[in-house]
Amino acid sequence: TTYITTGKNTVIDNAFLLKELAEVIATLQRRGRAGHARMLIRMTVISCIDST
């Protein structure tokens, strides 16, 4: 990781920040798809129960 120091402030290199941001976005997308799949399963089960 590259650090740029200006006075008392330390700024992390933009490439590192972009990589971290990409990882966070990918994680959120995976969680979103998993949550959507769970919701569809629940709705299907409820629909099957209601139709009996």
N, C-alpha and C. Protein backbone atom coordinates (compact mmCIF):
# COMPACT_ATOMS: atom_id res chain seq x y z
N THR A 1 0.84 -1.18 0.00
CA THR A 1 0.00 0.00 0.00
C THR A 1 0.88 1.24 0.00
N THR A 2 0.54 2.21 -0.80
CA THR A 2 1.30 3.44 -0.87
C THR A 2 0.61 4.50 -0.04
N TYR A 3 1.37 5.17 0.81
CA TYR A 3 0.84 6.24 1.62
C TYR A 3 1.47 7.55 1.21
N ILE A 4 0.68 8.60 1.14
CA ILE A 4 1.19 9.93 0.85
C ILE A 4 0.95 10.76 2.11
N THR A 5 2.01 11.29 2.69
CA THR A 5 1.88 12.04 3.93
C THR A 5 1.97 13.53 3.63
N THR A 6 0.96 14.27 4.08
CA THR A 6 0.98 15.72 3.94
C THR A 6 0.75 16.31 5.32
N GLY A 7 1.78 16.80 5.95
CA GLY A 7 1.66 17.33 7.30
C GLY A 7 1.29 16.23 8.25
N LYS A 8 0.18 16.39 8.97
CA LYS A 8 -0.28 15.38 9.93
C LYS A 8 -1.23 14.37 9.28
N ASN A 9 -1.67 14.66 8.06
CA ASN A 9 -2.65 13.79 7.39
C ASN A 9 -1.95 12.74 6.54
N THR A 10 -2.47 11.52 6.57
CA THR A 10 -1.97 10.45 5.70
C THR A 10 -3.10 10.05 4.76
N VAL A 11 -2.81 10.06 3.47
CA VAL A 11 -3.81 9.72 2.45
C VAL A 11 -3.39 8.42 1.80
N ILE A 12 -4.30 7.45 1.76
CA ILE A 12 -4.01 6.16 1.13
C ILE A 12 -4.11 6.32 -0.38
N ASP A 13 -3.23 5.66 -1.10
CA ASP A 13 -3.20 5.71 -2.56
C ASP A 13 -4.56 5.38 -3.15
N ASN A 14 -4.96 6.08 -4.21
CA ASN A 14 -6.27 5.89 -4.84
C ASN A 14 -6.49 4.47 -5.33
N ALA A 15 -5.45 3.81 -5.84
CA ALA A 15 -5.61 2.45 -6.34
C ALA A 15 -6.06 1.51 -5.23
N PHE A 16 -5.53 1.69 -4.03
CA PHE A 16 -5.93 0.87 -2.89
C PHE A 16 -7.39 1.13 -2.54
N LEU A 17 -7.78 2.40 -2.52
CA LEU A 17 -9.17 2.75 -2.20
C LEU A 17 -10.13 2.17 -3.22
N LEU A 18 -9.77 2.23 -4.50
CA LEU A 18 -10.65 1.68 -5.53
C LEU A 18 -10.80 0.18 -5.39
N LYS A 19 -9.71 -0.51 -5.03
CA LYS A 19 -9.78 -1.96 -4.84
C LYS A 19 -10.69 -2.29 -3.67
N GLU A 20 -10.53 -1.57 -2.56
CA GLU A 20 -11.37 -1.80 -1.38
C GLU A 20 -12.84 -1.53 -1.71
N LEU A 21 -13.11 -0.45 -2.43
CA LEU A 21 -14.48 -0.11 -2.80
C LEU A 21 -15.08 -1.19 -3.68
N ALA A 22 -14.32 -1.69 -4.63
CA ALA A 22 -14.80 -2.76 -5.51
C ALA A 22 -15.14 -4.01 -4.71
N GLU A 23 -14.32 -4.33 -3.70
CA GLU A 23 -14.59 -5.50 -2.87
C GLU A 23 -15.86 -5.31 -2.05
N VAL A 24 -16.05 -4.12 -1.51
CA VAL A 24 -17.26 -3.83 -0.72
C VAL A 24 -18.50 -3.94 -1.61
N ILE A 25 -18.44 -3.37 -2.79
CA ILE A 25 -19.59 -3.43 -3.71
C ILE A 25 -19.90 -4.87 -4.10
N ALA A 26 -18.87 -5.67 -4.38
CA ALA A 26 -19.08 -7.07 -4.74
C ALA A 26 -19.73 -7.83 -3.60
N THR A 27 -19.29 -7.58 -2.37
CA THR A 27 -19.87 -8.24 -1.19
C THR A 27 -21.33 -7.87 -1.04
N LEU A 28 -21.65 -6.59 -1.19
CA LEU A 28 -23.05 -6.15 -1.06
C LEU A 28 -23.92 -6.76 -2.14
N GLN A 29 -23.39 -6.88 -3.36
CA GLN A 29 -24.17 -7.49 -4.44
C GLN A 29 -24.43 -8.96 -4.16
N ARG A 30 -23.44 -9.68 -3.64
CA ARG A 30 -23.65 -11.10 -3.31
C ARG A 30 -24.70 -11.24 -2.22
N ARG A 31 -24.63 -10.39 -1.21
CA ARG A 31 -25.62 -10.44 -0.13
C ARG A 31 -27.01 -10.12 -0.65
N GLY A 32 -27.09 -9.17 -1.55
CA GLY A 32 -28.38 -8.78 -2.12
C GLY A 32 -29.01 -9.93 -2.89
N ARG A 33 -28.20 -10.62 -3.69
CA ARG A 33 -28.73 -11.77 -4.45
C ARG A 33 -29.16 -12.88 -3.51
N ALA A 34 -28.39 -13.12 -2.46
CA ALA A 34 -28.74 -14.17 -1.50
C ALA A 34 -30.04 -13.81 -0.79
N GLY A 35 -30.19 -12.56 -0.42
CA GLY A 35 -31.42 -12.11 0.23
C GLY A 35 -32.62 -12.24 -0.69
N HIS A 36 -32.43 -11.92 -1.95
CA HIS A 36 -33.51 -12.03 -2.93
C HIS A 36 -33.92 -13.49 -3.11
N ALA A 37 -32.94 -14.37 -3.16
CA ALA A 37 -33.23 -15.81 -3.31
C ALA A 37 -34.00 -16.32 -2.10
N ARG A 38 -33.61 -15.92 -0.89
CA ARG A 38 -34.33 -16.35 0.31
C ARG A 38 -35.77 -15.86 0.29
N MET A 39 -35.98 -14.62 -0.17
CA MET A 39 -37.32 -14.08 -0.23
C MET A 39 -38.17 -14.87 -1.23
N LEU A 40 -37.60 -15.22 -2.38
CA LEU A 40 -38.35 -16.00 -3.37
C LEU A 40 -38.72 -17.38 -2.83
N ILE A 41 -37.81 -18.00 -2.09
CA ILE A 41 -38.10 -19.32 -1.50
C ILE A 41 -39.25 -19.20 -0.51
N ARG A 42 -39.20 -18.18 0.35
CA ARG A 42 -40.29 -18.00 1.33
C ARG A 42 -41.62 -17.78 0.64
N MET A 43 -41.62 -16.93 -0.39
CA MET A 43 -42.87 -16.66 -1.10
C MET A 43 -43.42 -17.92 -1.76
N THR A 44 -42.55 -18.75 -2.29
CA THR A 44 -42.97 -20.00 -2.93
C THR A 44 -43.58 -20.95 -1.91
N VAL A 45 -42.93 -21.07 -0.75
CA VAL A 45 -43.45 -21.95 0.30
C VAL A 45 -44.81 -21.46 0.77
N ILE A 46 -44.94 -20.17 1.00
CA ILE A 46 -46.22 -19.62 1.46
C ILE A 46 -47.30 -19.84 0.40
N SER A 47 -46.95 -19.65 -0.85
CA SER A 47 -47.91 -19.86 -1.94
C SER A 47 -48.37 -21.31 -1.99
N CYS A 48 -47.43 -22.24 -1.80
CA CYS A 48 -47.79 -23.67 -1.80
C CYS A 48 -48.70 -24.00 -0.62
N ILE A 49 -48.42 -23.44 0.52
CA ILE A 49 -49.25 -23.69 1.71
C ILE A 49 -50.65 -23.13 1.49
N ASP A 50 -50.74 -21.92 0.94
CA ASP A 50 -52.03 -21.29 0.70
C ASP A 50 -52.87 -22.06 -0.32
N SER A 51 -52.23 -22.72 -1.26
CA SER A 51 -52.98 -23.41 -2.31
C SER A 51 -53.45 -24.80 -1.88
N THR A 52 -53.07 -25.25 -0.68
CA THR A 52 -53.52 -26.57 -0.23
C THR A 52 -54.79 -26.49 0.57
